[in-house]
Amino acid sequence: MFGFTWLTHRQAGVAIKQGLLEEALRLLRQPALRTHRRTGELLLALARAYAERGERRLRQDDSEQAWCDLLLAESLQTGEKSADRLRRALTDLGVT
């Protein structure tokens, strides 16, 4: 598998760009990729994409799916700031 790390990274990057976030997540969770530097960059991009999709879903009044996207973004443990913004927006919605 190690010889095909570059191919898996490329496939994950394309999946993120095309909005196939679950496919990208499946690819990036492969054990052989865990310690590779490029994997961290792609996980950050994936977390950002999940947060952006969550914000779109929130604007469409689908807060349940927005919460799901937020939890997926946070589960990647990248520290992406857009996930923090989404959490604040969802929390504010719940308070009001």
PDB file of N, CA and C in Angstrom:
ATOM      1  N   MET A   1       0.815  -1.191   0.000  1.00  0.00           N
ATOM      2  CA  MET A   1       0.000   0.000   0.000  1.00  0.00           C
ATOM      3  C   MET A   1       0.856   1.252   0.000  1.00  0.00           C
ATOM      4  N   PHE A   2       2.030   1.209   0.648  1.00  0.00           N
ATOM      5  CA  PHE A   2       2.842   2.410   0.773  1.00  0.00           C
ATOM      6  C   PHE A   2       3.207   3.004  -0.573  1.00  0.00           C
ATOM      7  N   GLY A   3       3.445   2.171  -1.565  1.00  0.00           N
ATOM      8  CA  GLY A   3       3.782   2.647  -2.894  1.00  0.00           C
ATOM      9  C   GLY A   3       2.657   3.411  -3.562  1.00  0.00           C
ATOM     10  N   PHE A   4       1.445   3.214  -3.103  1.00  0.00           N
ATOM     11  CA  PHE A   4       0.288   3.867  -3.693  1.00  0.00           C
ATOM     12  C   PHE A   4      -0.257   5.004  -2.833  1.00  0.00           C
ATOM     13  N   THR A   5       0.535   5.454  -1.888  1.00  0.00           N
ATOM     14  CA  THR A   5       0.107   6.543  -1.025  1.00  0.00           C
ATOM     15  C   THR A   5      -0.213   7.784  -1.836  1.00  0.00           C
ATOM     16  N   TRP A   6       0.626   8.102  -2.805  1.00  0.00           N
ATOM     17  CA  TRP A   6       0.405   9.298  -3.626  1.00  0.00           C
ATOM     18  C   TRP A   6      -0.908   9.211  -4.377  1.00  0.00           C
ATOM     19  N   LEU A   7      -1.261   7.995  -4.852  1.00  0.00           N
ATOM     20  CA  LEU A   7      -2.508   7.813  -5.584  1.00  0.00           C
ATOM     21  C   LEU A   7      -3.709   8.001  -4.665  1.00  0.00           C
ATOM     22  N   THR A   8      -3.623   7.456  -3.475  1.00  0.00           N
ATOM     23  CA  THR A   8      -4.707   7.608  -2.507  1.00  0.00           C
ATOM     24  C   THR A   8      -4.873   9.068  -2.118  1.00  0.00           C
ATOM     25  N   HIS A   9      -3.765   9.771  -1.926  1.00  0.00           N
ATOM     26  CA  HIS A   9      -3.849  11.200  -1.615  1.00  0.00           C
ATOM     27  C   HIS A   9      -4.502  11.966  -2.764  1.00  0.00           C
ATOM     28  N   ARG A  10      -4.130  11.621  -3.966  1.00  0.00           N
ATOM     29  CA  ARG A  10      -4.721  12.295  -5.129  1.00  0.00           C
ATOM     30  C   ARG A  10      -6.225  12.031  -5.199  1.00  0.00           C
ATOM     31  N   GLN A  11      -6.623  10.782  -4.989  1.00  0.00           N
ATOM     32  CA  GLN A  11      -8.045  10.437  -5.021  1.00  0.00           C
ATOM     33  C   GLN A  11      -8.810  11.173  -3.928  1.00  0.00           C
ATOM     34  N   ALA A  12      -8.225  11.275  -2.754  1.00  0.00           N
ATOM     35  CA  ALA A  12      -8.875  11.979  -1.650  1.00  0.00           C
ATOM     36  C   ALA A  12      -9.017  13.466  -1.971  1.00  0.00           C
ATOM     37  N   GLY A  13      -7.977  14.051  -2.552  1.00  0.00           N
ATOM     38  CA  GLY A  13      -8.037  15.463  -2.925  1.00  0.00           C
ATOM     39  C   GLY A  13      -9.119  15.736  -3.956  1.00  0.00           C
ATOM     40  N   VAL A  14      -9.232  14.866  -4.936  1.00  0.00           N
ATOM     41  CA  VAL A  14     -10.284  15.004  -5.952  1.00  0.00           C
ATOM     42  C   VAL A  14     -11.657  14.846  -5.308  1.00  0.00           C
ATOM     43  N   ALA A  15     -11.789  13.884  -4.414  1.00  0.00           N
ATOM     44  CA  ALA A  15     -13.077  13.662  -3.737  1.00  0.00           C
ATOM     45  C   ALA A  15     -13.489  14.899  -2.940  1.00  0.00           C
ATOM     46  N   ILE A  16     -12.550  15.533  -2.272  1.00  0.00           N
ATOM     47  CA  ILE A  16     -12.861  16.744  -1.507  1.00  0.00           C
ATOM     48  C   ILE A  16     -13.332  17.843  -2.457  1.00  0.00           C
ATOM     49  N   LYS A  17     -12.615  18.036  -3.548  1.00  0.00           N
ATOM     50  CA  LYS A  17     -12.985  19.078  -4.515  1.00  0.00           C
ATOM     51  C   LYS A  17     -14.352  18.831  -5.132  1.00  0.00           C
ATOM     52  N   GLN A  18     -14.716  17.572  -5.305  1.00  0.00           N
ATOM     53  CA  GLN A  18     -16.000  17.235  -5.911  1.00  0.00           C
ATOM     54  C   GLN A  18     -17.129  17.152  -4.887  1.00  0.00           C
ATOM     55  N   GLY A  19     -16.806  17.368  -3.614  1.00  0.00           N
ATOM     56  CA  GLY A  19     -17.834  17.325  -2.578  1.00  0.00           C
ATOM     57  C   GLY A  19     -18.179  15.931  -2.101  1.00  0.00           C
ATOM     58  N   LEU A  20     -17.366  14.952  -2.437  1.00  0.00           N
ATOM     59  CA  LEU A  20     -17.579  13.575  -1.991  1.00  0.00           C
ATOM     60  C   LEU A  20     -16.828  13.369  -0.682  1.00  0.00           C
ATOM     61  N   LEU A  21     -17.312  14.035   0.350  1.00  0.00           N
ATOM     62  CA  LEU A  21     -16.571  14.109   1.604  1.00  0.00           C
ATOM     63  C   LEU A  21     -16.467  12.768   2.316  1.00  0.00           C
ATOM     64  N   GLU A  22     -17.514  11.972   2.268  1.00  0.00           N
ATOM     65  CA  GLU A  22     -17.464  10.670   2.934  1.00  0.00           C
ATOM     66  C   GLU A  22     -16.449   9.749   2.250  1.00  0.00           C
ATOM     67  N   GLU A  23     -16.354   9.849   0.918  1.00  0.00           N
ATOM     68  CA  GLU A  23     -15.362   9.053   0.183  1.00  0.00           C
ATOM     69  C   GLU A  23     -13.944   9.490   0.553  1.00  0.00           C
ATOM     70  N   ALA A  24     -13.735  10.796   0.641  1.00  0.00           N
ATOM     71  CA  ALA A  24     -12.418  11.308   1.040  1.00  0.00           C
ATOM     72  C   ALA A  24     -12.065  10.831   2.448  1.00  0.00           C
ATOM     73  N   LEU A  25     -13.036  10.863   3.345  1.00  0.00           N
ATOM     74  CA  LEU A  25     -12.799  10.412   4.715  1.00  0.00           C
ATOM     75  C   LEU A  25     -12.418   8.931   4.738  1.00  0.00           C
ATOM     76  N   ARG A  26     -13.119   8.133   3.951  1.00  0.00           N
ATOM     77  CA  ARG A  26     -12.805   6.700   3.883  1.00  0.00           C
ATOM     78  C   ARG A  26     -11.375   6.476   3.396  1.00  0.00           C
ATOM     79  N   LEU A  27     -10.984   7.219   2.389  1.00  0.00           N
ATOM     80  CA  LEU A  27      -9.630   7.077   1.844  1.00  0.00           C
ATOM     81  C   LEU A  27      -8.569   7.504   2.851  1.00  0.00           C
ATOM     82  N   LEU A  28      -8.810   8.606   3.539  1.00  0.00           N
ATOM     83  CA  LEU A  28      -7.796   9.154   4.448  1.00  0.00           C
ATOM     84  C   LEU A  28      -7.689   8.396   5.762  1.00  0.00           C
ATOM     85  N   ARG A  29      -8.650   7.570   6.066  1.00  0.00           N
ATOM     86  CA  ARG A  29      -8.597   6.791   7.312  1.00  0.00           C
ATOM     87  C   ARG A  29      -7.861   5.467   7.147  1.00  0.00           C
ATOM     88  N   GLN A  30      -7.292   5.226   5.997  1.00  0.00           N
ATOM     89  CA  GLN A  30      -6.549   3.980   5.796  1.00  0.00           C
ATOM     90  C   GLN A  30      -5.295   3.995   6.671  1.00  0.00           C
ATOM     91  N   PRO A  31      -5.006   2.889   7.327  1.00  0.00           N
ATOM     92  CA  PRO A  31      -3.878   2.846   8.268  1.00  0.00           C
ATOM     93  C   PRO A  31      -2.535   3.258   7.670  1.00  0.00           C
ATOM     94  N   ALA A  32      -2.289   2.949   6.422  1.00  0.00           N
ATOM     95  CA  ALA A  32      -0.990   3.258   5.815  1.00  0.00           C
ATOM     96  C   ALA A  32      -0.758   4.759   5.664  1.00  0.00           C
ATOM     97  N   LEU A  33      -1.804   5.559   5.757  1.00  0.00           N
ATOM     98  CA  LEU A  33      -1.688   7.003   5.535  1.00  0.00           C
ATOM     99  C   LEU A  33      -1.553   7.809   6.819  1.00  0.00           C
ATOM    100  N   ARG A  34      -1.701   7.198   7.956  1.00  0.00           N
ATOM    101  CA  ARG A  34      -1.798   7.923   9.226  1.00  0.00           C
ATOM    102  C   ARG A  34      -0.625   8.842   9.518  1.00  0.00           C
ATOM    103  N   THR A  35       0.572   8.465   9.177  1.00  0.00           N
ATOM    104  CA  THR A  35       1.738   9.260   9.563  1.00  0.00           C
ATOM    105  C   THR A  35       2.295  10.113   8.427  1.00  0.00           C
ATOM    106  N   HIS A  36       1.671  10.095   7.296  1.00  0.00           N
ATOM    107  CA  HIS A  36       2.168  10.847   6.149  1.00  0.00           C
ATOM    108  C   HIS A  36       1.793  12.327   6.271  1.00  0.00           C
ATOM    109  N   ARG A  37       2.721  13.221   5.939  1.00  0.00           N
ATOM    110  CA  ARG A  37       2.509  14.663   6.071  1.00  0.00           C
ATOM    111  C   ARG A  37       1.338  15.140   5.211  1.00  0.00           C
ATOM    112  N   ARG A  38       1.244  14.660   4.007  1.00  0.00           N
ATOM    113  CA  ARG A  38       0.179  15.094   3.090  1.00  0.00           C
ATOM    114  C   ARG A  38      -1.195  14.733   3.634  1.00  0.00           C
ATOM    115  N   THR A  39      -1.292  13.660   4.401  1.00  0.00           N
ATOM    116  CA  THR A  39      -2.567  13.259   4.983  1.00  0.00           C
ATOM    117  C   THR A  39      -3.085  14.350   5.921  1.00  0.00           C
ATOM    118  N   GLY A  40      -2.204  14.944   6.703  1.00  0.00           N
ATOM    119  CA  GLY A  40      -2.616  16.018   7.601  1.00  0.00           C
ATOM    120  C   GLY A  40      -3.175  17.210   6.846  1.00  0.00           C
ATOM    121  N   GLU A  41      -2.552  17.559   5.731  1.00  0.00           N
ATOM    122  CA  GLU A  41      -3.035  18.671   4.910  1.00  0.00           C
ATOM    123  C   GLU A  41      -4.418  18.366   4.340  1.00  0.00           C
ATOM    124  N   LEU A  42      -4.605  17.140   3.888  1.00  0.00           N
ATOM    125  CA  LEU A  42      -5.891  16.754   3.319  1.00  0.00           C
ATOM    126  C   LEU A  42      -6.972  16.659   4.393  1.00  0.00           C
ATOM    127  N   LEU A  43      -6.608  16.208   5.585  1.00  0.00           N
ATOM    128  CA  LEU A  43      -7.584  16.165   6.679  1.00  0.00           C
ATOM    129  C   LEU A  43      -8.031  17.580   7.052  1.00  0.00           C
ATOM    130  N   LEU A  44      -7.123  18.524   7.023  1.00  0.00           N
ATOM    131  CA  LEU A  44      -7.476  19.921   7.283  1.00  0.00           C
ATOM    132  C   LEU A  44      -8.445  20.432   6.216  1.00  0.00           C
ATOM    133  N   ALA A  45      -8.167  20.139   4.958  1.00  0.00           N
ATOM    134  CA  ALA A  45      -9.064  20.540   3.873  1.00  0.00           C
ATOM    135  C   ALA A  45     -10.425  19.859   4.009  1.00  0.00           C
ATOM    136  N   LEU A  46     -10.427  18.610   4.442  1.00  0.00           N
ATOM    137  CA  LEU A  46     -11.676  17.872   4.629  1.00  0.00           C
ATOM    138  C   LEU A  46     -12.487  18.468   5.776  1.00  0.00           C
ATOM    139  N   ALA A  47     -11.833  18.804   6.866  1.00  0.00           N
ATOM    140  CA  ALA A  47     -12.534  19.430   7.993  1.00  0.00           C
ATOM    141  C   ALA A  47     -13.147  20.760   7.557  1.00  0.00           C
ATOM    142  N   ARG A  48     -12.404  21.528   6.781  1.00  0.00           N
ATOM    143  CA  ARG A  48     -12.909  22.808   6.270  1.00  0.00           C
ATOM    144  C   ARG A  48     -14.124  22.576   5.361  1.00  0.00           C
ATOM    145  N   ALA A  49     -14.063  21.544   4.522  1.00  0.00           N
ATOM    146  CA  ALA A  49     -15.171  21.232   3.610  1.00  0.00           C
ATOM    147  C   ALA A  49     -16.410  20.791   4.386  1.00  0.00           C
ATOM    148  N   TYR A  50     -16.213  19.988   5.438  1.00  0.00           N
ATOM    149  CA  TYR A  50     -17.355  19.593   6.271  1.00  0.00           C
ATOM    150  C   TYR A  50     -17.984  20.818   6.937  1.00  0.00           C
ATOM    151  N   ALA A  51     -17.174  21.724   7.443  1.00  0.00           N
ATOM    152  CA  ALA A  51     -17.701  22.925   8.094  1.00  0.00           C
ATOM    153  C   ALA A  51     -18.440  23.803   7.091  1.00  0.00           C
ATOM    154  N   GLU A  52     -17.899  23.942   5.894  1.00  0.00           N
ATOM    155  CA  GLU A  52     -18.568  24.742   4.859  1.00  0.00           C
ATOM    156  C   GLU A  52     -19.904  24.119   4.471  1.00  0.00           C
ATOM    157  N   ARG A  53     -19.919  22.794   4.340  1.00  0.00           N
ATOM    158  CA  ARG A  53     -21.181  22.129   4.009  1.00  0.00           C
ATOM    159  C   ARG A  53     -22.178  22.284   5.154  1.00  0.00           C
ATOM    160  N   GLY A  54     -21.686  22.221   6.376  1.00  0.00           N
ATOM    161  CA  GLY A  54     -22.556  22.439   7.526  1.00  0.00           C
ATOM    162  C   GLY A  54     -23.147  23.841   7.538  1.00  0.00           C
ATOM    163  N   GLU A  55     -22.334  24.832   7.186  1.00  0.00           N
ATOM    164  CA  GLU A  55     -22.843  26.204   7.116  1.00  0.00           C
ATOM    165  C   GLU A  55     -23.900  26.342   6.031  1.00  0.00           C
ATOM    166  N   ARG A  56     -23.691  25.692   4.887  1.00  0.00           N
ATOM    167  CA  ARG A  56     -24.708  25.717   3.819  1.00  0.00           C
ATOM    168  C   ARG A  56     -25.994  25.073   4.295  1.00  0.00           C
ATOM    169  N   ARG A  57     -25.879  23.951   4.976  1.00  0.00           N
ATOM    170  CA  ARG A  57     -27.072  23.258   5.476  1.00  0.00           C
ATOM    171  C   ARG A  57     -27.786  24.088   6.536  1.00  0.00           C
ATOM    172  N   LEU A  58     -27.030  24.807   7.339  1.00  0.00           N
ATOM    173  CA  LEU A  58     -27.640  25.672   8.335  1.00  0.00           C
ATOM    174  C   LEU A  58     -28.419  26.795   7.660  1.00  0.00           C
ATOM    175  N   ARG A  59     -27.854  27.373   6.607  1.00  0.00           N
ATOM    176  CA  ARG A  59     -28.568  28.424   5.856  1.00  0.00           C
ATOM    177  C   ARG A  59     -29.836  27.878   5.205  1.00  0.00           C
ATOM    178  N   GLN A  60     -29.871  26.582   4.924  1.00  0.00           N
ATOM    179  CA  GLN A  60     -31.041  25.936   4.329  1.00  0.00           C
ATOM    180  C   GLN A  60     -31.995  25.408   5.398  1.00  0.00           C
ATOM    181  N   ASP A  61     -31.785  25.820   6.639  1.00  0.00           N
ATOM    182  CA  ASP A  61     -32.616  25.419   7.781  1.00  0.00           C
ATOM    183  C   ASP A  61     -32.607  23.913   8.031  1.00  0.00           C
ATOM    184  N   ASP A  62     -31.479  23.281   7.786  1.00  0.00           N
ATOM    185  CA  ASP A  62     -31.312  21.857   8.083  1.00  0.00           C
ATOM    186  C   ASP A  62     -30.268  21.728   9.195  1.00  0.00           C
ATOM    187  N   SER A  63     -30.666  22.139  10.394  1.00  0.00           N
ATOM    188  CA  SER A  63     -29.709  22.180  11.496  1.00  0.00           C
ATOM    189  C   SER A  63     -29.257  20.788  11.934  1.00  0.00           C
ATOM    190  N   GLU A  64     -30.098  19.794  11.764  1.00  0.00           N
ATOM    191  CA  GLU A  64     -29.708  18.438  12.162  1.00  0.00           C
ATOM    192  C   GLU A  64     -28.512  17.953  11.335  1.00  0.00           C
ATOM    193  N   GLN A  65     -28.567  18.136  10.019  1.00  0.00           N
ATOM    194  CA  GLN A  65     -27.454  17.741   9.167  1.00  0.00           C
ATOM    195  C   GLN A  65     -26.235  18.645   9.378  1.00  0.00           C
ATOM    196  N   ALA A  66     -26.489  19.907   9.710  1.00  0.00           N
ATOM    197  CA  ALA A  66     -25.378  20.818  10.013  1.00  0.00           C
ATOM    198  C   ALA A  66     -24.630  20.325  11.246  1.00  0.00           C
ATOM    199  N   TRP A  67     -25.356  19.848  12.262  1.00  0.00           N
ATOM    200  CA  TRP A  67     -24.709  19.284  13.447  1.00  0.00           C
ATOM    201  C   TRP A  67     -23.889  18.051  13.071  1.00  0.00           C
ATOM    202  N   CYS A  68     -24.422  17.208  12.198  1.00  0.00           N
ATOM    203  CA  CYS A  68     -23.687  16.009  11.769  1.00  0.00           C
ATOM    204  C   CYS A  68     -22.370  16.392  11.096  1.00  0.00           C
ATOM    205  N   ASP A  69     -22.430  17.404  10.222  1.00  0.00           N
ATOM    206  CA  ASP A  69     -21.206  17.851   9.550  1.00  0.00           C
ATOM    207  C   ASP A  69     -20.221  18.446  10.550  1.00  0.00           C
ATOM    208  N   LEU A  70     -20.735  19.180  11.520  1.00  0.00           N
ATOM    209  CA  LEU A  70     -19.860  19.749  12.548  1.00  0.00           C
ATOM    210  C   LEU A  70     -19.150  18.641  13.322  1.00  0.00           C
ATOM    211  N   LEU A  71     -19.882  17.628  13.719  1.00  0.00           N
ATOM    212  CA  LEU A  71     -19.280  16.534  14.482  1.00  0.00           C
ATOM    213  C   LEU A  71     -18.233  15.789  13.652  1.00  0.00           C
ATOM    214  N   LEU A  72     -18.494  15.628  12.365  1.00  0.00           N
ATOM    215  CA  LEU A  72     -17.499  14.987  11.496  1.00  0.00           C
ATOM    216  C   LEU A  72     -16.251  15.863  11.371  1.00  0.00           C
ATOM    217  N   ALA A  73     -16.451  17.171  11.212  1.00  0.00           N
ATOM    218  CA  ALA A  73     -15.301  18.087  11.107  1.00  0.00           C
ATOM    219  C   ALA A  73     -14.478  18.049  12.386  1.00  0.00           C
ATOM    220  N   GLU A  74     -15.141  18.071  13.524  1.00  0.00           N
ATOM    221  CA  GLU A  74     -14.425  18.056  14.797  1.00  0.00           C
ATOM    222  C   GLU A  74     -13.770  16.710  15.076  1.00  0.00           C
ATOM    223  N   SER A  75     -14.346  15.628  14.570  1.00  0.00           N
ATOM    224  CA  SER A  75     -13.767  14.296  14.817  1.00  0.00           C
ATOM    225  C   SER A  75     -12.407  14.131  14.137  1.00  0.00           C
ATOM    226  N   LEU A  76     -12.122  14.962  13.150  1.00  0.00           N
ATOM    227  CA  LEU A  76     -10.839  14.887  12.466  1.00  0.00           C
ATOM    228  C   LEU A  76      -9.716  15.508  13.294  1.00  0.00           C
ATOM    229  N   GLN A  77     -10.069  16.256  14.320  1.00  0.00           N
ATOM    230  CA  GLN A  77      -9.126  16.850  15.275  1.00  0.00           C
ATOM    231  C   GLN A  77      -8.020  17.644  14.591  1.00  0.00           C
ATOM    232  N   THR A  78      -8.436  18.560  13.704  1.00  0.00           N
ATOM    233  CA  THR A  78      -7.470  19.378  12.988  1.00  0.00           C
ATOM    234  C   THR A  78      -7.341  20.776  13.577  1.00  0.00           C
ATOM    235  N   GLY A  79      -8.294  21.183  14.403  1.00  0.00           N
ATOM    236  CA  GLY A  79      -8.270  22.534  14.949  1.00  0.00           C
ATOM    237  C   GLY A  79      -8.749  23.570  13.947  1.00  0.00           C
ATOM    238  N   GLU A  80      -9.465  23.152  12.939  1.00  0.00           N
ATOM    239  CA  GLU A  80      -9.971  24.065  11.904  1.00  0.00           C
ATOM    240  C   GLU A  80     -10.927  25.086  12.526  1.00  0.00           C
ATOM    241  N   LYS A  81     -10.660  26.367  12.296  1.00  0.00           N
ATOM    242  CA  LYS A  81     -11.431  27.448  12.913  1.00  0.00           C
ATOM    243  C   LYS A  81     -12.844  27.564  12.363  1.00  0.00           C
ATOM    244  N   SER A  82     -13.078  27.155  11.125  1.00  0.00           N
ATOM    245  CA  SER A  82     -14.430  27.256  10.571  1.00  0.00           C
ATOM    246  C   SER A  82     -15.392  26.326  11.309  1.00  0.00           C
ATOM    247  N   ALA A  83     -14.890  25.242  11.867  1.00  0.00           N
ATOM    248  CA  ALA A  83     -15.740  24.363  12.675  1.00  0.00           C
ATOM    249  C   ALA A  83     -16.164  25.072  13.952  1.00  0.00           C
ATOM    250  N   ASP A  84     -15.283  25.902  14.509  1.00  0.00           N
ATOM    251  CA  ASP A  84     -15.643  26.681  15.699  1.00  0.00           C
ATOM    252  C   ASP A  84     -16.757  27.670  15.383  1.00  0.00           C
ATOM    253  N   ARG A  85     -16.669  28.322  14.225  1.00  0.00           N
ATOM    254  CA  ARG A  85     -17.715  29.268  13.815  1.00  0.00           C
ATOM    255  C   ARG A  85     -19.051  28.558  13.649  1.00  0.00           C
ATOM    256  N   LEU A  86     -19.019  27.383  13.037  1.00  0.00           N
ATOM    257  CA  LEU A  86     -20.249  26.619  12.841  1.00  0.00           C
ATOM    258  C   LEU A  86     -20.837  26.204  14.183  1.00  0.00           C
ATOM    259  N   ARG A  87     -19.997  25.781  15.116  1.00  0.00           N
ATOM    260  CA  ARG A  87     -20.493  25.393  16.441  1.00  0.00           C
ATOM    261  C   ARG A  87     -21.162  26.576  17.135  1.00  0.00           C
ATOM    262  N   ARG A  88     -20.536  27.759  17.057  1.00  0.00           N
ATOM    263  CA  ARG A  88     -21.152  28.946  17.661  1.00  0.00           C
ATOM    264  C   ARG A  88     -22.491  29.269  17.037  1.00  0.00           C
ATOM    265  N   ALA A  89     -22.570  29.173  15.704  1.00  0.00           N
ATOM    266  CA  ALA A  89     -23.830  29.471  15.012  1.00  0.00           C
ATOM    267  C   ALA A  89     -24.919  28.475  15.403  1.00  0.00           C
ATOM    268  N   LEU A  90     -24.579  27.204  15.487  1.00  0.00           N
ATOM    269  CA  LEU A  90     -25.555  26.194  15.865  1.00  0.00           C
ATOM    270  C   LEU A  90     -25.975  26.336  17.322  1.00  0.00           C
ATOM    271  N   THR A  91     -25.025  26.660  18.172  1.00  0.00           N
ATOM    272  CA  THR A  91     -25.335  26.860  19.590  1.00  0.00           C
ATOM    273  C   THR A  91     -26.242  28.073  19.763  1.00  0.00           C
ATOM    274  N   ASP A  92     -25.925  29.155  19.058  1.00  0.00           N
ATOM    275  CA  ASP A  92     -26.779  30.347  19.121  1.00  0.00           C
ATOM    276  C   ASP A  92     -28.194  30.040  18.645  1.00  0.00           C
ATOM    277  N   LEU A  93     -28.308  29.228  17.599  1.00  0.00           N
ATOM    278  CA  LEU A  93     -29.622  28.844  17.108  1.00  0.00           C
ATOM    279  C   LEU A  93     -30.382  28.053  18.166  1.00  0.00           C
ATOM    280  N   GLY A  94     -29.687  27.167  18.853  1.00  0.00           N
ATOM    281  CA  GLY A  94     -30.332  26.369  19.886  1.00  0.00           C
ATOM    282  C   GLY A  94     -30.763  27.191  21.090  1.00  0.00           C
ATOM    283  N   VAL A  95     -30.019  28.248  21.381  1.00  0.00           N
ATOM    284  CA  VAL A  95     -30.352  29.101  22.519  1.00  0.00           C
ATOM    285  C   VAL A  95     -31.586  29.950  22.227  1.00  0.00           C
ATOM    286  N   THR A  96     -31.724  30.366  20.962  1.00  0.00           N
ATOM    287  CA  THR A  96     -32.853  31.248  20.620  1.00  0.00           C
ATOM    288  C   THR A  96     -34.126  30.530  20.389  1.00  0.00           C
TER     289      THR A  96
END
